[in-house]
Amino acid sequence: MRILLIAAACAAVFPLSGNAWAADPANGRAIAEKVCAACHGAEGNKPVAPENPLLAGQYADYLAKALSDYKTGKRANPVMKAFADQLKRKDIEDLAAWFASQKSSLHFQR
């Protein structure tokens, strides 16, 4: 009986469906248009300089980690640090979801 009560309490606190923290690609797009497009292109697939990477089609977890690393200084790039410092964790997740959903030459598109 005690285990059932603990399981019920956990289910109430950590529901299996509906993630309140799910990424919002539409918000990511809005941020990308303001912040990222100038260097990486509107959808992250047309960088303006060869040193700027393609963002479109990258894995969302990779992009989120990279942005977080710029923010904390684990990755050193003063321009990216300045942009990443303005982002909240949710913004980073939203940006990563947006760029990951874009078509790219990085991998085969179905």
N, C-alpha and C. Protein backbone atom coordinates (compact mmCIF):
# COMPACT_ATOMS: atom_id res chain seq x y z
N MET A 1 0.81 -1.19 0.00
CA MET A 1 0.00 0.00 0.00
C MET A 1 0.86 1.26 0.00
N ARG A 2 1.92 1.23 0.77
CA ARG A 2 2.82 2.38 0.85
C ARG A 2 3.45 2.67 -0.51
N ILE A 3 3.83 1.63 -1.24
CA ILE A 3 4.42 1.80 -2.56
C ILE A 3 3.42 2.43 -3.53
N LEU A 4 2.15 2.03 -3.43
CA LEU A 4 1.12 2.62 -4.28
C LEU A 4 0.96 4.11 -4.00
N LEU A 5 1.01 4.50 -2.75
CA LEU A 5 0.90 5.92 -2.40
C LEU A 5 2.08 6.71 -2.94
N ILE A 6 3.27 6.15 -2.85
CA ILE A 6 4.46 6.82 -3.38
C ILE A 6 4.37 6.94 -4.89
N ALA A 7 3.92 5.87 -5.55
CA ALA A 7 3.78 5.90 -7.00
C ALA A 7 2.74 6.93 -7.42
N ALA A 8 1.64 7.02 -6.70
CA ALA A 8 0.60 7.99 -7.02
C ALA A 8 1.12 9.42 -6.83
N ALA A 9 1.87 9.65 -5.78
CA ALA A 9 2.44 10.98 -5.53
C ALA A 9 3.42 11.36 -6.63
N CYS A 10 4.25 10.41 -7.04
CA CYS A 10 5.21 10.67 -8.13
C CYS A 10 4.48 10.96 -9.43
N ALA A 11 3.42 10.22 -9.71
CA ALA A 11 2.65 10.44 -10.94
C ALA A 11 2.02 11.82 -10.95
N ALA A 12 1.61 12.31 -9.79
CA ALA A 12 1.01 13.63 -9.72
C ALA A 12 2.05 14.73 -9.94
N VAL A 13 3.26 14.50 -9.43
CA VAL A 13 4.32 15.49 -9.56
C VAL A 13 5.00 15.41 -10.92
N PHE A 14 5.19 14.22 -11.44
CA PHE A 14 5.88 14.00 -12.71
C PHE A 14 4.95 13.28 -13.69
N PRO A 15 4.01 13.99 -14.30
CA PRO A 15 3.08 13.32 -15.21
C PRO A 15 3.80 12.78 -16.44
N LEU A 16 3.27 11.68 -16.99
CA LEU A 16 3.89 11.05 -18.14
C LEU A 16 3.56 11.78 -19.43
N SER A 17 2.44 12.43 -19.50
CA SER A 17 2.07 13.13 -20.73
C SER A 17 2.10 14.62 -20.52
N GLY A 18 2.41 15.34 -21.60
CA GLY A 18 2.43 16.80 -21.53
C GLY A 18 3.63 17.32 -20.79
N ASN A 19 4.57 17.86 -21.50
CA ASN A 19 5.77 18.39 -20.90
C ASN A 19 5.68 19.91 -20.86
N ALA A 20 5.62 20.47 -19.68
CA ALA A 20 5.53 21.92 -19.54
C ALA A 20 6.78 22.61 -20.08
N TRP A 21 7.87 21.87 -20.19
CA TRP A 21 9.13 22.44 -20.64
C TRP A 21 9.44 22.08 -22.08
N ALA A 22 8.47 21.57 -22.82
CA ALA A 22 8.71 21.18 -24.21
C ALA A 22 9.15 22.41 -25.01
N ALA A 23 10.07 22.17 -25.92
CA ALA A 23 10.59 23.25 -26.75
C ALA A 23 9.50 23.79 -27.68
N ASP A 24 9.58 25.07 -27.97
CA ASP A 24 8.63 25.75 -28.84
C ASP A 24 9.38 26.29 -30.07
N PRO A 25 9.38 25.51 -31.17
CA PRO A 25 10.12 25.95 -32.36
C PRO A 25 9.66 27.31 -32.90
N ALA A 26 8.38 27.65 -32.74
CA ALA A 26 7.89 28.94 -33.23
C ALA A 26 8.57 30.08 -32.47
N ASN A 27 8.74 29.93 -31.17
CA ASN A 27 9.48 30.93 -30.40
C ASN A 27 10.95 30.94 -30.82
N GLY A 28 11.50 29.76 -31.08
CA GLY A 28 12.88 29.67 -31.56
C GLY A 28 13.06 30.41 -32.87
N ARG A 29 12.08 30.29 -33.75
CA ARG A 29 12.14 31.00 -35.04
C ARG A 29 12.17 32.51 -34.82
N ALA A 30 11.31 32.99 -33.93
CA ALA A 30 11.26 34.43 -33.66
C ALA A 30 12.60 34.94 -33.11
N ILE A 31 13.19 34.17 -32.23
CA ILE A 31 14.50 34.56 -31.67
C ILE A 31 15.56 34.50 -32.77
N ALA A 32 15.55 33.44 -33.58
CA ALA A 32 16.53 33.28 -34.64
C ALA A 32 16.48 34.43 -35.64
N GLU A 33 15.27 34.88 -35.96
CA GLU A 33 15.13 35.98 -36.92
C GLU A 33 15.75 37.26 -36.38
N LYS A 34 15.69 37.47 -35.08
CA LYS A 34 16.24 38.68 -34.47
C LYS A 34 17.73 38.57 -34.19
N VAL A 35 18.17 37.38 -33.78
CA VAL A 35 19.51 37.23 -33.23
C VAL A 35 20.48 36.48 -34.14
N CYS A 36 20.04 35.42 -34.78
CA CYS A 36 20.95 34.50 -35.46
C CYS A 36 21.06 34.70 -36.96
N ALA A 37 20.01 35.23 -37.58
CA ALA A 37 19.92 35.29 -39.04
C ALA A 37 21.05 36.08 -39.68
N ALA A 38 21.52 37.12 -39.03
CA ALA A 38 22.55 37.97 -39.63
C ALA A 38 23.83 37.19 -39.96
N CYS A 39 24.16 36.21 -39.16
CA CYS A 39 25.40 35.43 -39.38
C CYS A 39 25.15 34.04 -39.96
N HIS A 40 24.01 33.42 -39.61
CA HIS A 40 23.76 32.03 -40.00
C HIS A 40 22.69 31.86 -41.05
N GLY A 41 22.06 32.95 -41.47
CA GLY A 41 20.97 32.88 -42.42
C GLY A 41 19.64 32.72 -41.70
N ALA A 42 18.56 33.07 -42.38
CA ALA A 42 17.23 33.09 -41.75
C ALA A 42 16.82 31.73 -41.17
N GLU A 43 17.17 30.66 -41.84
CA GLU A 43 16.81 29.32 -41.35
C GLU A 43 18.02 28.52 -40.90
N GLY A 44 19.14 29.21 -40.77
CA GLY A 44 20.36 28.56 -40.30
C GLY A 44 21.09 27.76 -41.35
N ASN A 45 20.72 27.93 -42.63
CA ASN A 45 21.35 27.13 -43.67
C ASN A 45 22.14 27.95 -44.70
N LYS A 46 22.34 29.24 -44.44
CA LYS A 46 23.12 30.08 -45.35
C LYS A 46 24.01 31.03 -44.57
N PRO A 47 25.08 30.50 -43.97
CA PRO A 47 25.98 31.38 -43.23
C PRO A 47 26.60 32.44 -44.14
N VAL A 48 26.81 33.63 -43.61
CA VAL A 48 27.37 34.72 -44.40
C VAL A 48 28.89 34.65 -44.53
N ALA A 49 29.53 33.84 -43.72
CA ALA A 49 30.98 33.68 -43.77
C ALA A 49 31.32 32.20 -43.56
N PRO A 50 32.42 31.76 -44.13
CA PRO A 50 32.77 30.33 -44.03
C PRO A 50 33.01 29.84 -42.60
N GLU A 51 33.38 30.73 -41.70
CA GLU A 51 33.62 30.31 -40.32
C GLU A 51 32.33 30.16 -39.51
N ASN A 52 31.21 30.61 -40.05
CA ASN A 52 29.91 30.45 -39.38
C ASN A 52 29.30 29.12 -39.79
N PRO A 53 29.00 28.27 -38.84
CA PRO A 53 28.50 26.93 -39.19
C PRO A 53 27.04 26.92 -39.63
N LEU A 54 26.69 25.85 -40.35
CA LEU A 54 25.29 25.57 -40.64
C LEU A 54 24.62 25.15 -39.35
N LEU A 55 23.48 25.73 -39.07
CA LEU A 55 22.72 25.35 -37.88
C LEU A 55 21.52 24.48 -38.26
N ALA A 56 20.97 24.71 -39.44
CA ALA A 56 19.81 23.95 -39.90
C ALA A 56 20.13 22.47 -39.98
N GLY A 57 19.25 21.66 -39.44
CA GLY A 57 19.43 20.21 -39.52
C GLY A 57 20.34 19.61 -38.47
N GLN A 58 20.98 20.44 -37.67
CA GLN A 58 21.80 19.90 -36.58
C GLN A 58 20.89 19.27 -35.53
N TYR A 59 21.44 18.38 -34.75
CA TYR A 59 20.67 17.78 -33.66
C TYR A 59 20.39 18.83 -32.59
N ALA A 60 19.15 18.85 -32.10
CA ALA A 60 18.74 19.85 -31.12
C ALA A 60 19.59 19.80 -29.86
N ASP A 61 19.91 18.59 -29.39
CA ASP A 61 20.70 18.50 -28.15
C ASP A 61 22.11 19.05 -28.35
N TYR A 62 22.67 18.86 -29.54
CA TYR A 62 24.00 19.41 -29.84
C TYR A 62 23.95 20.94 -29.83
N LEU A 63 22.93 21.50 -30.50
CA LEU A 63 22.81 22.96 -30.55
C LEU A 63 22.59 23.55 -29.16
N ALA A 64 21.74 22.93 -28.36
CA ALA A 64 21.49 23.42 -27.01
C ALA A 64 22.76 23.38 -26.17
N LYS A 65 23.52 22.31 -26.30
CA LYS A 65 24.78 22.18 -25.55
C LYS A 65 25.77 23.25 -26.00
N ALA A 66 25.87 23.45 -27.31
CA ALA A 66 26.81 24.45 -27.83
C ALA A 66 26.46 25.84 -27.31
N LEU A 67 25.19 26.22 -27.40
CA LEU A 67 24.77 27.53 -26.90
C LEU A 67 25.01 27.67 -25.40
N SER A 68 24.72 26.62 -24.66
CA SER A 68 24.97 26.64 -23.21
C SER A 68 26.45 26.79 -22.92
N ASP A 69 27.28 26.11 -23.71
CA ASP A 69 28.73 26.22 -23.53
C ASP A 69 29.25 27.62 -23.86
N TYR A 70 28.69 28.27 -24.88
CA TYR A 70 29.06 29.66 -25.15
C TYR A 70 28.67 30.55 -23.97
N LYS A 71 27.51 30.30 -23.44
CA LYS A 71 26.99 31.11 -22.33
C LYS A 71 27.88 30.98 -21.09
N THR A 72 28.32 29.75 -20.79
CA THR A 72 29.14 29.54 -19.60
C THR A 72 30.63 29.79 -19.83
N GLY A 73 31.03 29.96 -21.08
CA GLY A 73 32.43 30.18 -21.39
C GLY A 73 33.22 28.92 -21.69
N LYS A 74 32.55 27.75 -21.70
CA LYS A 74 33.26 26.51 -22.06
C LYS A 74 33.69 26.53 -23.52
N ARG A 75 32.93 27.24 -24.35
CA ARG A 75 33.33 27.51 -25.73
C ARG A 75 33.70 28.98 -25.81
N ALA A 76 34.82 29.25 -26.45
CA ALA A 76 35.31 30.62 -26.48
C ALA A 76 35.06 31.27 -27.84
N ASN A 77 34.13 32.20 -27.86
CA ASN A 77 33.87 33.04 -29.02
C ASN A 77 33.13 34.26 -28.47
N PRO A 78 33.79 35.42 -28.51
CA PRO A 78 33.19 36.60 -27.88
C PRO A 78 31.85 37.01 -28.49
N VAL A 79 31.68 36.84 -29.79
CA VAL A 79 30.41 37.21 -30.43
C VAL A 79 29.30 36.27 -29.95
N MET A 80 29.56 34.97 -30.00
CA MET A 80 28.55 34.00 -29.57
C MET A 80 28.27 34.12 -28.08
N LYS A 81 29.28 34.40 -27.28
CA LYS A 81 29.07 34.58 -25.84
C LYS A 81 28.12 35.75 -25.58
N ALA A 82 28.31 36.85 -26.31
CA ALA A 82 27.44 38.01 -26.12
C ALA A 82 25.99 37.68 -26.45
N PHE A 83 25.77 36.92 -27.52
CA PHE A 83 24.41 36.54 -27.88
C PHE A 83 23.85 35.52 -26.89
N ALA A 84 24.63 34.51 -26.54
CA ALA A 84 24.16 33.45 -25.65
C ALA A 84 23.85 33.98 -24.25
N ASP A 85 24.59 34.98 -23.81
CA ASP A 85 24.34 35.57 -22.48
C ASP A 85 22.93 36.15 -22.36
N GLN A 86 22.35 36.55 -23.47
CA GLN A 86 21.00 37.14 -23.46
C GLN A 86 19.90 36.08 -23.38
N LEU A 87 20.25 34.81 -23.62
CA LEU A 87 19.25 33.75 -23.73
C LEU A 87 19.00 33.04 -22.40
N LYS A 88 17.74 32.75 -22.16
CA LYS A 88 17.36 31.91 -21.04
C LYS A 88 17.43 30.46 -21.51
N ARG A 89 17.40 29.53 -20.57
CA ARG A 89 17.46 28.10 -20.91
C ARG A 89 16.34 27.72 -21.89
N LYS A 90 15.13 28.22 -21.64
CA LYS A 90 14.00 27.91 -22.52
C LYS A 90 14.24 28.46 -23.92
N ASP A 91 14.83 29.66 -24.03
CA ASP A 91 15.15 30.23 -25.34
C ASP A 91 16.13 29.34 -26.09
N ILE A 92 17.12 28.83 -25.38
CA ILE A 92 18.12 27.95 -25.99
C ILE A 92 17.44 26.68 -26.52
N GLU A 93 16.56 26.10 -25.73
CA GLU A 93 15.85 24.89 -26.16
C GLU A 93 14.96 25.18 -27.37
N ASP A 94 14.31 26.34 -27.37
CA ASP A 94 13.45 26.71 -28.48
C ASP A 94 14.26 26.94 -29.75
N LEU A 95 15.38 27.64 -29.64
CA LEU A 95 16.26 27.85 -30.79
C LEU A 95 16.76 26.52 -31.35
N ALA A 96 17.18 25.65 -30.47
CA ALA A 96 17.69 24.34 -30.90
C ALA A 96 16.61 23.56 -31.64
N ALA A 97 15.39 23.60 -31.13
CA ALA A 97 14.28 22.90 -31.79
C ALA A 97 13.99 23.49 -33.16
N TRP A 98 14.03 24.81 -33.27
CA TRP A 98 13.78 25.47 -34.55
C TRP A 98 14.83 25.07 -35.59
N PHE A 99 16.10 25.22 -35.25
CA PHE A 99 17.15 24.91 -36.22
C PHE A 99 17.18 23.42 -36.56
N ALA A 100 16.92 22.57 -35.59
CA ALA A 100 16.90 21.13 -35.85
C ALA A 100 15.79 20.74 -36.81
N SER A 101 14.72 21.50 -36.84
CA SER A 101 13.58 21.18 -37.70
C SER A 101 13.74 21.67 -39.14
N GLN A 102 14.80 22.41 -39.41
CA GLN A 102 14.99 22.98 -40.75
C GLN A 102 15.72 22.02 -41.68
N LYS A 103 15.35 22.09 -42.96
CA LYS A 103 16.03 21.25 -43.96
C LYS A 103 17.45 21.74 -44.14
N SER A 104 18.32 20.78 -44.42
CA SER A 104 19.74 21.10 -44.49
C SER A 104 20.46 20.08 -45.34
N SER A 105 21.64 20.44 -45.78
CA SER A 105 22.49 19.50 -46.50
C SER A 105 23.35 18.67 -45.54
N LEU A 106 23.14 18.83 -44.23
CA LEU A 106 23.95 18.10 -43.25
C LEU A 106 23.67 16.59 -43.28
N HIS A 107 22.44 16.21 -43.59
CA HIS A 107 22.07 14.79 -43.63
C HIS A 107 20.91 14.59 -44.57
N PHE A 108 20.62 13.38 -44.86
CA PHE A 108 19.54 13.01 -45.78
C PHE A 108 18.20 13.48 -45.24
N GLN A 109 17.43 14.15 -46.08
CA GLN A 109 16.09 14.59 -45.71
C GLN A 109 15.06 13.65 -46.30
N ARG A 110 14.14 13.18 -45.49
CA ARG A 110 13.08 12.28 -45.98
C ARG A 110 11.94 13.05 -46.55
